[in-house]
Amino acid sequence: MTAIGQNIKMCRERVGISQEELALKIRVGTRTIQRYESGEHTPKLQTILKISTALDVPASELMGEIYYAAPPELDQKPSSL
């Protein structure tokens, strides 16, 4: 799996939509989404932009290093000492 593929999958799951729903939103087949997520194919920049819009994430988040969302408890500010 490529970094882009992993990022697409993780962002898609975080938003809570299926591969089928994402495919409909960006007007491609479900198998195409499966190929992107498995790393079998790499989406073109135009497609990455469509995916980022559909998932409401920056395109850089999809194209960057493997993105791991921090658990909510890590997003909290540390308590004062």
PDB file of N, CA and C in Angstrom:
ATOM      1  N   MET A   1       0.844  -1.174   0.000  1.00  0.00           N
ATOM      2  CA  MET A   1       0.000   0.000   0.000  1.00  0.00           C
ATOM      3  C   MET A   1       0.892   1.241   0.000  1.00  0.00           C
ATOM      4  N   THR A   2       0.555   2.199  -0.824  1.00  0.00           N
ATOM      5  CA  THR A   2       1.332   3.435  -0.888  1.00  0.00           C
ATOM      6  C   THR A   2       0.877   4.397   0.197  1.00  0.00           C
ATOM      7  N   ALA A   3       1.710   5.397   0.441  1.00  0.00           N
ATOM      8  CA  ALA A   3       1.346   6.409   1.442  1.00  0.00           C
ATOM      9  C   ALA A   3       0.053   7.113   1.036  1.00  0.00           C
ATOM     10  N   ILE A   4      -0.083   7.439  -0.251  1.00  0.00           N
ATOM     11  CA  ILE A   4      -1.306   8.099  -0.712  1.00  0.00           C
ATOM     12  C   ILE A   4      -2.498   7.176  -0.486  1.00  0.00           C
ATOM     13  N   GLY A   5      -2.342   5.915  -0.840  1.00  0.00           N
ATOM     14  CA  GLY A   5      -3.423   4.949  -0.661  1.00  0.00           C
ATOM     15  C   GLY A   5      -3.832   4.816   0.795  1.00  0.00           C
ATOM     16  N   GLN A   6      -2.851   4.740   1.677  1.00  0.00           N
ATOM     17  CA  GLN A   6      -3.142   4.632   3.113  1.00  0.00           C
ATOM     18  C   GLN A   6      -3.826   5.898   3.615  1.00  0.00           C
ATOM     19  N   ASN A   7      -3.355   7.049   3.135  1.00  0.00           N
ATOM     20  CA  ASN A   7      -3.946   8.311   3.571  1.00  0.00           C
ATOM     21  C   ASN A   7      -5.392   8.438   3.101  1.00  0.00           C
ATOM     22  N   ILE A   8      -5.647   8.032   1.861  1.00  0.00           N
ATOM     23  CA  ILE A   8      -7.019   8.081   1.348  1.00  0.00           C
ATOM     24  C   ILE A   8      -7.914   7.203   2.220  1.00  0.00           C
ATOM     25  N   LYS A   9      -7.458   5.987   2.471  1.00  0.00           N
ATOM     26  CA  LYS A   9      -8.261   5.049   3.257  1.00  0.00           C
ATOM     27  C   LYS A   9      -8.509   5.578   4.662  1.00  0.00           C
ATOM     28  N   MET A  10      -7.471   6.064   5.329  1.00  0.00           N
ATOM     29  CA  MET A  10      -7.614   6.542   6.699  1.00  0.00           C
ATOM     30  C   MET A  10      -8.526   7.768   6.774  1.00  0.00           C
ATOM     31  N   CYS A  11      -8.376   8.683   5.823  1.00  0.00           N
ATOM     32  CA  CYS A  11      -9.229   9.869   5.816  1.00  0.00           C
ATOM     33  C   CYS A  11     -10.671   9.487   5.492  1.00  0.00           C
ATOM     34  N   ARG A  12     -10.853   8.573   4.564  1.00  0.00           N
ATOM     35  CA  ARG A  12     -12.202   8.115   4.200  1.00  0.00           C
ATOM     36  C   ARG A  12     -12.879   7.475   5.403  1.00  0.00           C
ATOM     37  N   GLU A  13     -12.154   6.618   6.098  1.00  0.00           N
ATOM     38  CA  GLU A  13     -12.722   5.956   7.274  1.00  0.00           C
ATOM     39  C   GLU A  13     -12.985   6.949   8.403  1.00  0.00           C
ATOM     40  N   ARG A  14     -12.122   7.935   8.550  1.00  0.00           N
ATOM     41  CA  ARG A  14     -12.306   8.948   9.592  1.00  0.00           C
ATOM     42  C   ARG A  14     -13.588   9.751   9.346  1.00  0.00           C
ATOM     43  N   VAL A  15     -13.872  10.022   8.065  1.00  0.00           N
ATOM     44  CA  VAL A  15     -15.090  10.741   7.710  1.00  0.00           C
ATOM     45  C   VAL A  15     -16.309   9.829   7.828  1.00  0.00           C
ATOM     46  N   GLY A  16     -16.072   8.530   7.733  1.00  0.00           N
ATOM     47  CA  GLY A  16     -17.157   7.570   7.903  1.00  0.00           C
ATOM     48  C   GLY A  16     -17.942   7.268   6.643  1.00  0.00           C
ATOM     49  N   ILE A  17     -17.252   7.309   5.486  1.00  0.00           N
ATOM     50  CA  ILE A  17     -17.943   6.944   4.251  1.00  0.00           C
ATOM     51  C   ILE A  17     -17.295   5.699   3.646  1.00  0.00           C
ATOM     52  N   SER A  18     -18.072   4.988   2.873  1.00  0.00           N
ATOM     53  CA  SER A  18     -17.593   3.760   2.242  1.00  0.00           C
ATOM     54  C   SER A  18     -16.838   4.080   0.958  1.00  0.00           C
ATOM     55  N   GLN A  19     -16.163   3.069   0.445  1.00  0.00           N
ATOM     56  CA  GLN A  19     -15.492   3.223  -0.847  1.00  0.00           C
ATOM     57  C   GLN A  19     -16.515   3.563  -1.931  1.00  0.00           C
ATOM     58  N   GLU A  20     -17.682   2.947  -1.858  1.00  0.00           N
ATOM     59  CA  GLU A  20     -18.739   3.193  -2.838  1.00  0.00           C
ATOM     60  C   GLU A  20     -19.197   4.649  -2.806  1.00  0.00           C
ATOM     61  N   GLU A  21     -19.358   5.193  -1.586  1.00  0.00           N
ATOM     62  CA  GLU A  21     -19.781   6.582  -1.453  1.00  0.00           C
ATOM     63  C   GLU A  21     -18.731   7.537  -1.996  1.00  0.00           C
ATOM     64  N   LEU A  22     -17.462   7.270  -1.687  1.00  0.00           N
ATOM     65  CA  LEU A  22     -16.389   8.115  -2.206  1.00  0.00           C
ATOM     66  C   LEU A  22     -16.344   8.033  -3.726  1.00  0.00           C
ATOM     67  N   ALA A  23     -16.489   6.840  -4.260  1.00  0.00           N
ATOM     68  CA  ALA A  23     -16.484   6.662  -5.718  1.00  0.00           C
ATOM     69  C   ALA A  23     -17.595   7.489  -6.363  1.00  0.00           C
ATOM     70  N   LEU A  24     -18.779   7.459  -5.774  1.00  0.00           N
ATOM     71  CA  LEU A  24     -19.889   8.250  -6.323  1.00  0.00           C
ATOM     72  C   LEU A  24     -19.596   9.742  -6.263  1.00  0.00           C
ATOM     73  N   LYS A  25     -19.003  10.185  -5.162  1.00  0.00           N
ATOM     74  CA  LYS A  25     -18.718  11.616  -4.993  1.00  0.00           C
ATOM     75  C   LYS A  25     -17.718  12.123  -6.024  1.00  0.00           C
ATOM     76  N   ILE A  26     -16.733  11.298  -6.381  1.00  0.00           N
ATOM     77  CA  ILE A  26     -15.718  11.783  -7.325  1.00  0.00           C
ATOM     78  C   ILE A  26     -15.931  11.216  -8.729  1.00  0.00           C
ATOM     79  N   ARG A  27     -17.031  10.472  -8.888  1.00  0.00           N
ATOM     80  CA  ARG A  27     -17.461   9.965 -10.197  1.00  0.00           C
ATOM     81  C   ARG A  27     -16.462   9.003 -10.834  1.00  0.00           C
ATOM     82  N   VAL A  28     -16.075   8.010 -10.037  1.00  0.00           N
ATOM     83  CA  VAL A  28     -15.254   6.906 -10.550  1.00  0.00           C
ATOM     84  C   VAL A  28     -15.890   5.611 -10.058  1.00  0.00           C
ATOM     85  N   GLY A  29     -15.407   4.500 -10.521  1.00  0.00           N
ATOM     86  CA  GLY A  29     -15.910   3.214 -10.056  1.00  0.00           C
ATOM     87  C   GLY A  29     -15.346   2.852  -8.689  1.00  0.00           C
ATOM     88  N   THR A  30     -16.083   2.008  -7.987  1.00  0.00           N
ATOM     89  CA  THR A  30     -15.631   1.547  -6.677  1.00  0.00           C
ATOM     90  C   THR A  30     -14.292   0.836  -6.794  1.00  0.00           C
ATOM     91  N   ARG A  31     -14.117   0.059  -7.841  1.00  0.00           N
ATOM     92  CA  ARG A  31     -12.859  -0.672  -8.045  1.00  0.00           C
ATOM     93  C   ARG A  31     -11.677   0.300  -8.154  1.00  0.00           C
ATOM     94  N   THR A  32     -11.911   1.465  -8.709  1.00  0.00           N
ATOM     95  CA  THR A  32     -10.846   2.477  -8.813  1.00  0.00           C
ATOM     96  C   THR A  32     -10.400   2.912  -7.424  1.00  0.00           C
ATOM     97  N   ILE A  33     -11.355   3.152  -6.522  1.00  0.00           N
ATOM     98  CA  ILE A  33     -11.011   3.528  -5.145  1.00  0.00           C
ATOM     99  C   ILE A  33     -10.233   2.392  -4.489  1.00  0.00           C
ATOM    100  N   GLN A  34     -10.670   1.165  -4.706  1.00  0.00           N
ATOM    101  CA  GLN A  34      -9.971   0.007  -4.148  1.00  0.00           C
ATOM    102  C   GLN A  34      -8.528  -0.034  -4.651  1.00  0.00           C
ATOM    103  N   ARG A  35      -8.326   0.254  -5.909  1.00  0.00           N
ATOM    104  CA  ARG A  35      -6.967   0.245  -6.485  1.00  0.00           C
ATOM    105  C   ARG A  35      -6.111   1.363  -5.910  1.00  0.00           C
ATOM    106  N   TYR A  36      -6.700   2.529  -5.702  1.00  0.00           N
ATOM    107  CA  TYR A  36      -5.944   3.630  -5.089  1.00  0.00           C
ATOM    108  C   TYR A  36      -5.518   3.253  -3.675  1.00  0.00           C
ATOM    109  N   GLU A  37      -6.461   2.747  -2.901  1.00  0.00           N
ATOM    110  CA  GLU A  37      -6.173   2.430  -1.500  1.00  0.00           C
ATOM    111  C   GLU A  37      -5.190   1.280  -1.349  1.00  0.00           C
ATOM    112  N   SER A  38      -5.198   0.346  -2.275  1.00  0.00           N
ATOM    113  CA  SER A  38      -4.271  -0.790  -2.194  1.00  0.00           C
ATOM    114  C   SER A  38      -2.893  -0.447  -2.739  1.00  0.00           C
ATOM    115  N   GLY A  39      -2.784   0.678  -3.432  1.00  0.00           N
ATOM    116  CA  GLY A  39      -1.514   1.068  -4.024  1.00  0.00           C
ATOM    117  C   GLY A  39      -1.305   0.494  -5.409  1.00  0.00           C
ATOM    118  N   GLU A  40      -2.321  -0.193  -5.928  1.00  0.00           N
ATOM    119  CA  GLU A  40      -2.253  -0.761  -7.267  1.00  0.00           C
ATOM    120  C   GLU A  40      -2.134   0.335  -8.325  1.00  0.00           C
ATOM    121  N   HIS A  41      -2.824   1.451  -8.089  1.00  0.00           N
ATOM    122  CA  HIS A  41      -2.761   2.628  -8.965  1.00  0.00           C
ATOM    123  C   HIS A  41      -2.559   3.862  -8.102  1.00  0.00           C
ATOM    124  N   THR A  42      -1.921   4.860  -8.670  1.00  0.00           N
ATOM    125  CA  THR A  42      -1.758   6.141  -7.990  1.00  0.00           C
ATOM    126  C   THR A  42      -2.650   7.148  -8.693  1.00  0.00           C
ATOM    127  N   PRO A  43      -3.500   7.835  -7.947  1.00  0.00           N
ATOM    128  CA  PRO A  43      -4.389   8.810  -8.584  1.00  0.00           C
ATOM    129  C   PRO A  43      -3.605   9.995  -9.145  1.00  0.00           C
ATOM    130  N   LYS A  44      -4.123  10.542 -10.238  1.00  0.00           N
ATOM    131  CA  LYS A  44      -3.530  11.755 -10.813  1.00  0.00           C
ATOM    132  C   LYS A  44      -3.847  12.928  -9.890  1.00  0.00           C
ATOM    133  N   LEU A  45      -3.111  14.008 -10.060  1.00  0.00           N
ATOM    134  CA  LEU A  45      -3.283  15.180  -9.201  1.00  0.00           C
ATOM    135  C   LEU A  45      -4.725  15.672  -9.230  1.00  0.00           C
ATOM    136  N   GLN A  46      -5.331  15.719 -10.402  1.00  0.00           N
ATOM    137  CA  GLN A  46      -6.726  16.165 -10.523  1.00  0.00           C
ATOM    138  C   GLN A  46      -7.646  15.304  -9.659  1.00  0.00           C
ATOM    139  N   THR A  47      -7.400  14.002  -9.647  1.00  0.00           N
ATOM    140  CA  THR A  47      -8.211  13.079  -8.858  1.00  0.00           C
ATOM    141  C   THR A  47      -7.950  13.265  -7.368  1.00  0.00           C
ATOM    142  N   ILE A  48      -6.692  13.493  -7.003  1.00  0.00           N
ATOM    143  CA  ILE A  48      -6.362  13.754  -5.600  1.00  0.00           C
ATOM    144  C   ILE A  48      -7.113  14.991  -5.110  1.00  0.00           C
ATOM    145  N   LEU A  49      -7.209  16.003  -5.945  1.00  0.00           N
ATOM    146  CA  LEU A  49      -7.943  17.214  -5.573  1.00  0.00           C
ATOM    147  C   LEU A  49      -9.430  16.913  -5.381  1.00  0.00           C
ATOM    148  N   LYS A  50      -9.994  16.078  -6.234  1.00  0.00           N
ATOM    149  CA  LYS A  50     -11.403  15.686  -6.082  1.00  0.00           C
ATOM    150  C   LYS A  50     -11.608  14.903  -4.790  1.00  0.00           C
ATOM    151  N   ILE A  51     -10.688  13.991  -4.509  1.00  0.00           N
ATOM    152  CA  ILE A  51     -10.791  13.188  -3.281  1.00  0.00           C
ATOM    153  C   ILE A  51     -10.674  14.089  -2.060  1.00  0.00           C
ATOM    154  N   SER A  52      -9.734  15.029  -2.090  1.00  0.00           N
ATOM    155  CA  SER A  52      -9.550  15.921  -0.935  1.00  0.00           C
ATOM    156  C   SER A  52     -10.801  16.764  -0.698  1.00  0.00           C
ATOM    157  N   THR A  53     -11.450  17.190  -1.774  1.00  0.00           N
ATOM    158  CA  THR A  53     -12.695  17.948  -1.639  1.00  0.00           C
ATOM    159  C   THR A  53     -13.800  17.073  -1.065  1.00  0.00           C
ATOM    160  N   ALA A  54     -13.915  15.853  -1.581  1.00  0.00           N
ATOM    161  CA  ALA A  54     -14.962  14.930  -1.121  1.00  0.00           C
ATOM    162  C   ALA A  54     -14.779  14.562   0.349  1.00  0.00           C
ATOM    163  N   LEU A  55     -13.525  14.442   0.780  1.00  0.00           N
ATOM    164  CA  LEU A  55     -13.240  14.054   2.163  1.00  0.00           C
ATOM    165  C   LEU A  55     -13.043  15.259   3.085  1.00  0.00           C
ATOM    166  N   ASP A  56     -13.032  16.459   2.498  1.00  0.00           N
ATOM    167  CA  ASP A  56     -12.842  17.701   3.245  1.00  0.00           C
ATOM    168  C   ASP A  56     -11.522  17.694   4.021  1.00  0.00           C
ATOM    169  N   VAL A  57     -10.462  17.319   3.299  1.00  0.00           N
ATOM    170  CA  VAL A  57      -9.109  17.351   3.864  1.00  0.00           C
ATOM    171  C   VAL A  57      -8.196  18.045   2.857  1.00  0.00           C
ATOM    172  N   PRO A  58      -7.113  18.654   3.304  1.00  0.00           N
ATOM    173  CA  PRO A  58      -6.176  19.262   2.356  1.00  0.00           C
ATOM    174  C   PRO A  58      -5.525  18.187   1.478  1.00  0.00           C
ATOM    175  N   ALA A  59      -5.301  18.518   0.218  1.00  0.00           N
ATOM    176  CA  ALA A  59      -4.648  17.572  -0.693  1.00  0.00           C
ATOM    177  C   ALA A  59      -3.275  17.182  -0.165  1.00  0.00           C
ATOM    178  N   SER A  60      -2.608  18.114   0.499  1.00  0.00           N
ATOM    179  CA  SER A  60      -1.278  17.819   1.046  1.00  0.00           C
ATOM    180  C   SER A  60      -1.338  16.708   2.081  1.00  0.00           C
ATOM    181  N   GLU A  61      -2.467  16.587   2.774  1.00  0.00           N
ATOM    182  CA  GLU A  61      -2.628  15.529   3.767  1.00  0.00           C
ATOM    183  C   GLU A  61      -2.693  14.158   3.076  1.00  0.00           C
ATOM    184  N   LEU A  62      -3.281  14.127   1.902  1.00  0.00           N
ATOM    185  CA  LEU A  62      -3.357  12.872   1.150  1.00  0.00           C
ATOM    186  C   LEU A  62      -2.017  12.511   0.521  1.00  0.00           C
ATOM    187  N   MET A  63      -1.261  13.512   0.108  1.00  0.00           N
ATOM    188  CA  MET A  63      -0.022  13.255  -0.624  1.00  0.00           C
ATOM    189  C   MET A  63       1.204  13.158   0.263  1.00  0.00           C
ATOM    190  N   GLY A  64       1.090  13.585   1.511  1.00  0.00           N
ATOM    191  CA  GLY A  64       2.242  13.615   2.394  1.00  0.00           C
ATOM    192  C   GLY A  64       2.620  12.249   2.913  1.00  0.00           C
ATOM    193  N   GLU A  65       3.439  12.274   3.937  1.00  0.00           N
ATOM    194  CA  GLU A  65       3.817  11.035   4.607  1.00  0.00           C
ATOM    195  C   GLU A  65       2.563  10.347   5.103  1.00  0.00           C
ATOM    196  N   ILE A  66       2.704   9.128   5.501  1.00  0.00           N
ATOM    197  CA  ILE A  66       1.551   8.404   6.015  1.00  0.00           C
ATOM    198  C   ILE A  66       0.972   9.190   7.173  1.00  0.00           C
ATOM    199  N   TYR A  67      -0.302   9.464   7.088  1.00  0.00           N
ATOM    200  CA  TYR A  67      -0.973  10.302   8.065  1.00  0.00           C
ATOM    201  C   TYR A  67      -1.621   9.422   9.123  1.00  0.00           C
ATOM    202  N   TYR A  68      -1.281   9.690  10.353  1.00  0.00           N
ATOM    203  CA  TYR A  68      -1.904   8.979  11.462  1.00  0.00           C
ATOM    204  C   TYR A  68      -2.608  10.014  12.320  1.00  0.00           C
ATOM    205  N   ALA A  69      -3.898   9.912  12.407  1.00  0.00           N
ATOM    206  CA  ALA A  69      -4.664  10.847  13.224  1.00  0.00           C
ATOM    207  C   ALA A  69      -4.365  10.577  14.691  1.00  0.00           C
ATOM    208  N   ALA A  70      -4.119  11.636  15.418  1.00  0.00           N
ATOM    209  CA  ALA A  70      -3.851  11.496  16.848  1.00  0.00           C
ATOM    210  C   ALA A  70      -5.154  11.177  17.557  1.00  0.00           C
ATOM    211  N   PRO A  71      -5.101  10.301  18.526  1.00  0.00           N
ATOM    212  CA  PRO A  71      -6.303  10.032  19.316  1.00  0.00           C
ATOM    213  C   PRO A  71      -6.781  11.315  19.975  1.00  0.00           C
ATOM    214  N   PRO A  72      -8.093  11.471  20.174  1.00  0.00           N
ATOM    215  CA  PRO A  72      -8.627  12.724  20.735  1.00  0.00           C
ATOM    216  C   PRO A  72      -7.949  13.154  22.024  1.00  0.00           C
ATOM    217  N   GLU A  73      -7.551  12.204  22.858  1.00  0.00           N
ATOM    218  CA  GLU A  73      -6.934  12.589  24.128  1.00  0.00           C
ATOM    219  C   GLU A  73      -5.580  13.268  23.933  1.00  0.00           C
ATOM    220  N   LEU A  74      -4.928  13.024  22.798  1.00  0.00           N
ATOM    221  CA  LEU A  74      -3.641  13.673  22.534  1.00  0.00           C
ATOM    222  C   LEU A  74      -3.819  15.068  21.949  1.00  0.00           C
ATOM    223  N   ASP A  75      -5.024  15.369  21.447  1.00  0.00           N
ATOM    224  CA  ASP A  75      -5.292  16.692  20.891  1.00  0.00           C
ATOM    225  C   ASP A  75      -5.544  17.724  21.979  1.00  0.00           C
ATOM    226  N   GLN A  76      -5.756  17.288  23.206  1.00  0.00           N
ATOM    227  CA  GLN A  76      -6.039  18.205  24.296  1.00  0.00           C
ATOM    228  C   GLN A  76      -4.756  18.896  24.751  1.00  0.00           C
ATOM    229  N   LYS A  77      -4.920  20.108  25.189  1.00  0.00           N
ATOM    230  CA  LYS A  77      -3.769  20.843  25.707  1.00  0.00           C
ATOM    231  C   LYS A  77      -3.372  20.264  27.061  1.00  0.00           C
ATOM    232  N   PRO A  78      -2.070  20.237  27.341  1.00  0.00           N
ATOM    233  CA  PRO A  78      -1.645  19.721  28.647  1.00  0.00           C
ATOM    234  C   PRO A  78      -2.160  20.613  29.764  1.00  0.00           C
ATOM    235  N   SER A  79      -2.461  19.992  30.867  1.00  0.00           N
ATOM    236  CA  SER A  79      -2.932  20.761  32.019  1.00  0.00           C
ATOM    237  C   SER A  79      -1.767  21.555  32.617  1.00  0.00           C
ATOM    238  N   SER A  80      -2.106  22.673  33.204  1.00  0.00           N
ATOM    239  CA  SER A  80      -1.055  23.500  33.796  1.00  0.00           C
ATOM    240  C   SER A  80      -0.505  22.819  35.052  1.00  0.00           C
ATOM    241  N   LEU A  81       0.752  23.116  35.330  1.00  0.00           N
ATOM    242  CA  LEU A  81       1.420  22.490  36.479  1.00  0.00           C
ATOM    243  C   LEU A  81       1.126  23.203  37.751  1.00  0.00           C
TER     244      LEU A  81
END
